[in-house]
Amino acid sequence: MQNSFCLVDREISENFDNSASSFGFFNNLFNGNIFKPSFSKGNMVFKLNMSHNGRAWKLEVEGDVLSGKSIGDKIDGGVLKPELKDYELKITGGSDIAGFPMFSGVEGTGLNKKLFTKGWGFTTRSKNGKLPRGIRKKKSIRGRTISEAIAQVNLKVLKEGSKKLEEIFPEQNQPKAKETPVEAVPAAKES
């Protein structure tokens, strides 16, 4: 009776024999020919939403500046953008590239399923506006730590710097242009 490792051992020994160096198999393994690691994403881009006084300010940051940080951590604003050097920000949440939210009660970076009794995604189904007793839902959530899978991070301003956010982000401070209704032009009558 053959064990399941014989075929794999044969393939490994063939790759060792065909390679020019003794590490040819491992070079093929990590160059993407056999195995492509999931952490080879390249530059990470985070979309940041900073909330302050009822307004949200949007910012995109490249690199792994926030990697390894967790929900509830305080960061210096100068790490994100030089104009934010006096600001102190707190990470309040985020979501991954598929839209699954981060949850502060789950350690790590992985995608998990958790059973909830209230909160995200619940709607009232009864006539009186209350959920029936005992209703639970299983939801997919991300862990509390920021990784390369996170696309959007929510921040809260704890300490404001010397420069106002309206001055730092002037393009986001513009009032929305009101659309003027277009008058209908009557069609020309054919005679």
C-alpha atoms as a PDB file:
ATOM      1  CA  MET A   1       0.000   0.000   0.000  1.00  0.00           C
ATOM      2  CA  GLN A   2       1.466   3.360  -1.067  1.00  0.00           C
ATOM      3  CA  ASN A   3       1.282   6.333   1.213  1.00  0.00           C
ATOM      4  CA  SER A   4       0.150   9.703  -0.117  1.00  0.00           C
ATOM      5  CA  PHE A   5       3.614  11.245   0.136  1.00  0.00           C
ATOM      6  CA  CYS A   6       5.304   9.037  -2.487  1.00  0.00           C
ATOM      7  CA  LEU A   7       4.056  11.041  -5.465  1.00  0.00           C
ATOM      8  CA  VAL A   8       5.082  14.323  -3.866  1.00  0.00           C
ATOM      9  CA  ASP A   9       8.540  12.956  -2.979  1.00  0.00           C
ATOM     10  CA  ARG A  10       9.006  11.770  -6.575  1.00  0.00           C
ATOM     11  CA  GLU A  11       8.073  15.229  -7.935  1.00  0.00           C
ATOM     12  CA  ILE A  12      10.461  16.928  -5.528  1.00  0.00           C
ATOM     13  CA  SER A  13      13.344  14.614  -6.460  1.00  0.00           C
ATOM     14  CA  GLU A  14      12.684  15.183 -10.187  1.00  0.00           C
ATOM     15  CA  ASN A  15      12.795  18.956  -9.632  1.00  0.00           C
ATOM     16  CA  PHE A  16      16.069  18.599  -7.730  1.00  0.00           C
ATOM     17  CA  ASP A  17      17.573  16.503 -10.542  1.00  0.00           C
ATOM     18  CA  ASN A  18      16.502  18.929 -13.290  1.00  0.00           C
ATOM     19  CA  SER A  19      17.752  22.054 -11.551  1.00  0.00           C
ATOM     20  CA  ALA A  20      21.207  23.520 -12.037  1.00  0.00           C
ATOM     21  CA  SER A  21      21.669  24.200  -8.331  1.00  0.00           C
ATOM     22  CA  SER A  22      20.707  22.176  -5.307  1.00  0.00           C
ATOM     23  CA  PHE A  23      18.170  24.862  -4.372  1.00  0.00           C
ATOM     24  CA  GLY A  24      16.451  24.914  -7.770  1.00  0.00           C
ATOM     25  CA  PHE A  25      13.217  23.505  -6.406  1.00  0.00           C
ATOM     26  CA  PHE A  26      13.017  26.154  -3.714  1.00  0.00           C
ATOM     27  CA  ASN A  27      13.855  28.912  -6.220  1.00  0.00           C
ATOM     28  CA  ASN A  28      10.976  27.702  -8.394  1.00  0.00           C
ATOM     29  CA  LEU A  29       8.810  27.468  -5.316  1.00  0.00           C
ATOM     30  CA  PHE A  30       9.197  31.107  -4.278  1.00  0.00           C
ATOM     31  CA  ASN A  31       9.568  32.692  -7.731  1.00  0.00           C
ATOM     32  CA  GLY A  32       5.912  32.002  -8.354  1.00  0.00           C
ATOM     33  CA  ASN A  33       6.304  28.955 -10.609  1.00  0.00           C
ATOM     34  CA  ILE A  34       4.830  26.568  -8.051  1.00  0.00           C
ATOM     35  CA  PHE A  35       3.729  28.631  -5.091  1.00  0.00           C
ATOM     36  CA  LYS A  36       2.676  32.271  -5.124  1.00  0.00           C
ATOM     37  CA  PRO A  37       2.613  33.697  -1.599  1.00  0.00           C
ATOM     38  CA  SER A  38      -0.398  35.788  -0.640  1.00  0.00           C
ATOM     39  CA  PHE A  39       1.743  38.533   0.910  1.00  0.00           C
ATOM     40  CA  SER A  40       3.266  39.560  -2.442  1.00  0.00           C
ATOM     41  CA  LYS A  41       0.649  42.265  -3.046  1.00  0.00           C
ATOM     42  CA  GLY A  42       3.166  45.067  -3.567  1.00  0.00           C
ATOM     43  CA  ASN A  43       2.364  48.560  -2.355  1.00  0.00           C
ATOM     44  CA  MET A  44      -0.641  48.644  -0.090  1.00  0.00           C
ATOM     45  CA  VAL A  45      -3.041  51.565  -0.450  1.00  0.00           C
ATOM     46  CA  PHE A  46      -5.275  52.430   2.481  1.00  0.00           C
ATOM     47  CA  LYS A  47      -8.292  54.707   2.112  1.00  0.00           C
ATOM     48  CA  LEU A  48      -8.570  56.654   5.341  1.00  0.00           C
ATOM     49  CA  ASN A  49     -11.695  58.364   6.659  1.00  0.00           C
ATOM     50  CA  MET A  50     -10.934  60.851   9.432  1.00  0.00           C
ATOM     51  CA  SER A  51     -13.959  62.119  11.335  1.00  0.00           C
ATOM     52  CA  HIS A  52     -13.906  65.387  13.238  1.00  0.00           C
ATOM     53  CA  ASN A  53     -16.792  67.610  14.365  1.00  0.00           C
ATOM     54  CA  GLY A  54     -19.367  65.776  12.276  1.00  0.00           C
ATOM     55  CA  ARG A  55     -17.343  65.906   9.042  1.00  0.00           C
ATOM     56  CA  ALA A  56     -15.362  63.180   7.297  1.00  0.00           C
ATOM     57  CA  TRP A  57     -12.063  63.883   5.590  1.00  0.00           C
ATOM     58  CA  LYS A  58     -10.738  61.405   3.042  1.00  0.00           C
ATOM     59  CA  LEU A  59      -7.080  60.543   2.476  1.00  0.00           C
ATOM     60  CA  GLU A  60      -5.189  57.787   0.654  1.00  0.00           C
ATOM     61  CA  VAL A  61      -1.914  56.473   2.052  1.00  0.00           C
ATOM     62  CA  GLU A  62       0.502  54.099   0.295  1.00  0.00           C
ATOM     63  CA  GLY A  63       2.844  51.725   2.059  1.00  0.00           C
ATOM     64  CA  ASP A  64       2.642  49.713   5.225  1.00  0.00           C
ATOM     65  CA  VAL A  65       2.444  52.668   7.606  1.00  0.00           C
ATOM     66  CA  LEU A  66      -0.584  51.223   9.417  1.00  0.00           C
ATOM     67  CA  SER A  67       0.262  47.510   9.136  1.00  0.00           C
ATOM     68  CA  GLY A  68       0.174  45.760  12.462  1.00  0.00           C
ATOM     69  CA  LYS A  69      -1.863  48.487  14.178  1.00  0.00           C
ATOM     70  CA  SER A  70      -5.137  47.502  15.854  1.00  0.00           C
ATOM     71  CA  ILE A  71      -8.511  49.072  16.536  1.00  0.00           C
ATOM     72  CA  GLY A  72      -8.124  51.465  19.462  1.00  0.00           C
ATOM     73  CA  ASP A  73      -4.449  52.298  18.787  1.00  0.00           C
ATOM     74  CA  LYS A  74      -3.460  55.969  18.753  1.00  0.00           C
ATOM     75  CA  ILE A  75      -1.186  57.191  15.959  1.00  0.00           C
ATOM     76  CA  ASP A  76       0.586  60.421  15.117  1.00  0.00           C
ATOM     77  CA  GLY A  77      -0.872  62.197  12.085  1.00  0.00           C
ATOM     78  CA  GLY A  78       2.577  63.100  10.762  1.00  0.00           C
ATOM     79  CA  VAL A  79       3.096  59.446   9.827  1.00  0.00           C
ATOM     80  CA  LEU A  80       0.211  59.691   7.354  1.00  0.00           C
ATOM     81  CA  LYS A  81       0.812  63.160   5.919  1.00  0.00           C
ATOM     82  CA  PRO A  82       3.373  65.821   6.910  1.00  0.00           C
ATOM     83  CA  GLU A  83       0.670  68.488   7.302  1.00  0.00           C
ATOM     84  CA  LEU A  84      -1.006  66.364  10.024  1.00  0.00           C
ATOM     85  CA  LYS A  85       2.093  66.282  12.273  1.00  0.00           C
ATOM     86  CA  ASP A  86       0.397  67.812  15.353  1.00  0.00           C
ATOM     87  CA  TYR A  87      -2.735  65.653  15.062  1.00  0.00           C
ATOM     88  CA  GLU A  88      -3.387  62.611  17.224  1.00  0.00           C
ATOM     89  CA  LEU A  89      -5.669  60.015  15.631  1.00  0.00           C
ATOM     90  CA  LYS A  90      -7.383  56.878  16.941  1.00  0.00           C
ATOM     91  CA  ILE A  91      -8.235  53.848  14.788  1.00  0.00           C
ATOM     92  CA  THR A  92     -11.940  53.115  15.217  1.00  0.00           C
ATOM     93  CA  GLY A  93     -12.572  50.472  12.541  1.00  0.00           C
ATOM     94  CA  GLY A  94     -12.318  49.607   8.884  1.00  0.00           C
ATOM     95  CA  SER A  95     -13.187  47.045   6.231  1.00  0.00           C
ATOM     96  CA  ASP A  96     -11.343  44.712   3.879  1.00  0.00           C
ATOM     97  CA  ILE A  97     -11.290  44.629   0.086  1.00  0.00           C
ATOM     98  CA  ALA A  98     -14.464  42.508   0.014  1.00  0.00           C
ATOM     99  CA  GLY A  99     -16.337  44.845   2.375  1.00  0.00           C
ATOM    100  CA  PHE A 100     -16.222  42.717   5.524  1.00  0.00           C
ATOM    101  CA  PRO A 101     -15.935  44.986   8.599  1.00  0.00           C
ATOM    102  CA  MET A 102     -13.201  44.817  11.207  1.00  0.00           C
ATOM    103  CA  PHE A 103     -14.391  43.772  14.668  1.00  0.00           C
ATOM    104  CA  SER A 104     -12.602  44.791  17.852  1.00  0.00           C
ATOM    105  CA  GLY A 105     -13.564  41.603  19.694  1.00  0.00           C
ATOM    106  CA  VAL A 106     -11.572  39.285  17.389  1.00  0.00           C
ATOM    107  CA  GLU A 107      -7.775  39.106  17.617  1.00  0.00           C
ATOM    108  CA  GLY A 108      -5.611  38.801  14.502  1.00  0.00           C
ATOM    109  CA  THR A 109      -6.029  39.629  10.842  1.00  0.00           C
ATOM    110  CA  GLY A 110      -8.069  36.685   9.546  1.00  0.00           C
ATOM    111  CA  LEU A 111     -11.608  36.416   8.276  1.00  0.00           C
ATOM    112  CA  ASN A 112     -13.910  34.812  10.846  1.00  0.00           C
ATOM    113  CA  LYS A 113     -17.579  33.955  11.224  1.00  0.00           C
ATOM    114  CA  LYS A 114     -19.173  35.029  14.476  1.00  0.00           C
ATOM    115  CA  LEU A 115     -22.680  34.555  15.834  1.00  0.00           C
ATOM    116  CA  PHE A 116     -24.355  37.887  16.683  1.00  0.00           C
ATOM    117  CA  THR A 117     -27.567  38.595  18.568  1.00  0.00           C
ATOM    118  CA  LYS A 118     -27.726  42.293  17.615  1.00  0.00           C
ATOM    119  CA  GLY A 119     -25.743  44.839  15.640  1.00  0.00           C
ATOM    120  CA  TRP A 120     -24.615  44.730  12.020  1.00  0.00           C
ATOM    121  CA  GLY A 121     -27.093  43.626   9.404  1.00  0.00           C
ATOM    122  CA  PHE A 122     -30.127  43.184  11.631  1.00  0.00           C
ATOM    123  CA  THR A 123     -33.485  44.487  10.513  1.00  0.00           C
ATOM    124  CA  THR A 124     -36.767  44.611  12.353  1.00  0.00           C
ATOM    125  CA  ARG A 125     -39.081  41.944  11.046  1.00  0.00           C
ATOM    126  CA  SER A 126     -42.027  42.274  13.393  1.00  0.00           C
ATOM    127  CA  LYS A 127     -44.897  44.770  13.316  1.00  0.00           C
ATOM    128  CA  ASN A 128     -44.041  46.410  16.629  1.00  0.00           C
ATOM    129  CA  GLY A 129     -40.455  47.227  15.576  1.00  0.00           C
ATOM    130  CA  LYS A 130     -38.700  44.797  17.909  1.00  0.00           C
ATOM    131  CA  LEU A 131     -36.761  41.699  16.990  1.00  0.00           C
ATOM    132  CA  PRO A 132     -38.290  38.445  18.137  1.00  0.00           C
ATOM    133  CA  ARG A 133     -36.443  36.845  21.063  1.00  0.00           C
ATOM    134  CA  GLY A 134     -33.690  34.369  20.236  1.00  0.00           C
ATOM    135  CA  ILE A 135     -32.841  35.628  16.750  1.00  0.00           C
ATOM    136  CA  ARG A 136     -29.145  35.198  15.944  1.00  0.00           C
ATOM    137  CA  LYS A 137     -27.138  35.644  12.733  1.00  0.00           C
ATOM    138  CA  LYS A 138     -23.742  34.389  11.682  1.00  0.00           C
ATOM    139  CA  LYS A 139     -21.723  37.201  10.070  1.00  0.00           C
ATOM    140  CA  SER A 140     -18.293  37.246   8.400  1.00  0.00           C
ATOM    141  CA  ILE A 141     -15.922  39.710  10.042  1.00  0.00           C
ATOM    142  CA  ARG A 142     -12.215  40.615  10.006  1.00  0.00           C
ATOM    143  CA  GLY A 143      -9.945  40.656  13.013  1.00  0.00           C
ATOM    144  CA  ARG A 144      -8.914  43.861  14.764  1.00  0.00           C
ATOM    145  CA  THR A 145      -5.373  44.094  13.301  1.00  0.00           C
ATOM    146  CA  ILE A 146      -4.681  45.960  10.041  1.00  0.00           C
ATOM    147  CA  SER A 147      -3.073  43.824   7.324  1.00  0.00           C
ATOM    148  CA  GLU A 148      -2.667  43.853   3.540  1.00  0.00           C
ATOM    149  CA  ALA A 149      -6.286  42.658   3.168  1.00  0.00           C
ATOM    150  CA  ILE A 150      -7.682  45.873   4.687  1.00  0.00           C
ATOM    151  CA  ALA A 151      -8.738  48.497   2.148  1.00  0.00           C
ATOM    152  CA  GLN A 152     -10.401  51.191   4.263  1.00  0.00           C
ATOM    153  CA  VAL A 153      -9.583  52.457   7.759  1.00  0.00           C
ATOM    154  CA  ASN A 154     -11.717  54.749   9.941  1.00  0.00           C
ATOM    155  CA  LEU A 155      -9.937  57.276  12.158  1.00  0.00           C
ATOM    156  CA  LYS A 156     -11.129  59.701  14.795  1.00  0.00           C
ATOM    157  CA  VAL A 157      -9.309  62.975  15.566  1.00  0.00           C
ATOM    158  CA  LEU A 158      -8.400  63.092  19.273  1.00  0.00           C
ATOM    159  CA  LYS A 159      -6.124  66.134  19.276  1.00  0.00           C
ATOM    160  CA  GLU A 160      -6.291  68.842  16.638  1.00  0.00           C
ATOM    161  CA  GLY A 161      -3.091  70.377  15.299  1.00  0.00           C
ATOM    162  CA  SER A 162      -2.155  73.979  14.592  1.00  0.00           C
ATOM    163  CA  LYS A 163      -3.454  73.818  11.031  1.00  0.00           C
ATOM    164  CA  LYS A 164      -7.186  73.228  10.505  1.00  0.00           C
ATOM    165  CA  LEU A 165      -8.398  70.308   8.402  1.00  0.00           C
ATOM    166  CA  GLU A 166     -10.179  72.777   6.107  1.00  0.00           C
ATOM    167  CA  GLU A 167      -6.757  74.232   5.217  1.00  0.00           C
ATOM    168  CA  ILE A 168      -5.089  70.842   4.803  1.00  0.00           C
ATOM    169  CA  PHE A 169      -7.834  69.481   2.520  1.00  0.00           C
ATOM    170  CA  PRO A 170      -9.132  72.511   0.572  1.00  0.00           C
ATOM    171  CA  GLU A 171     -10.508  70.385  -2.298  1.00  0.00           C
ATOM    172  CA  GLN A 172     -12.835  68.588   0.152  1.00  0.00           C
ATOM    173  CA  ASN A 173     -13.993  71.855   1.716  1.00  0.00           C
ATOM    174  CA  GLN A 174     -15.777  73.120  -1.399  1.00  0.00           C
ATOM    175  CA  PRO A 175     -19.557  73.486  -1.124  1.00  0.00           C
ATOM    176  CA  LYS A 176     -21.522  71.185  -3.358  1.00  0.00           C
ATOM    177  CA  ALA A 177     -22.669  72.860  -6.543  1.00  0.00           C
ATOM    178  CA  LYS A 178     -26.421  73.003  -6.856  1.00  0.00           C
ATOM    179  CA  GLU A 179     -27.773  71.569 -10.040  1.00  0.00           C
ATOM    180  CA  THR A 180     -29.904  73.993 -11.997  1.00  0.00           C
ATOM    181  CA  PRO A 181     -32.918  72.372 -13.591  1.00  0.00           C
ATOM    182  CA  VAL A 182     -32.736  72.282 -17.348  1.00  0.00           C
ATOM    183  CA  GLU A 183     -35.801  73.747 -19.004  1.00  0.00           C
ATOM    184  CA  ALA A 184     -37.418  71.630 -21.621  1.00  0.00           C
ATOM    185  CA  VAL A 185     -37.198  73.139 -25.080  1.00  0.00           C
ATOM    186  CA  PRO A 186     -40.413  72.696 -27.060  1.00  0.00           C
ATOM    187  CA  ALA A 187     -39.988  70.663 -30.225  1.00  0.00           C
ATOM    188  CA  ALA A 188     -40.274  72.568 -33.517  1.00  0.00           C
ATOM    189  CA  LYS A 189     -43.531  71.948 -35.354  1.00  0.00           C
ATOM    190  CA  GLU A 190     -43.243  70.571 -38.833  1.00  0.00           C
ATOM    191  CA  SER A 191     -45.527  72.090 -41.418  1.00  0.00           C
END
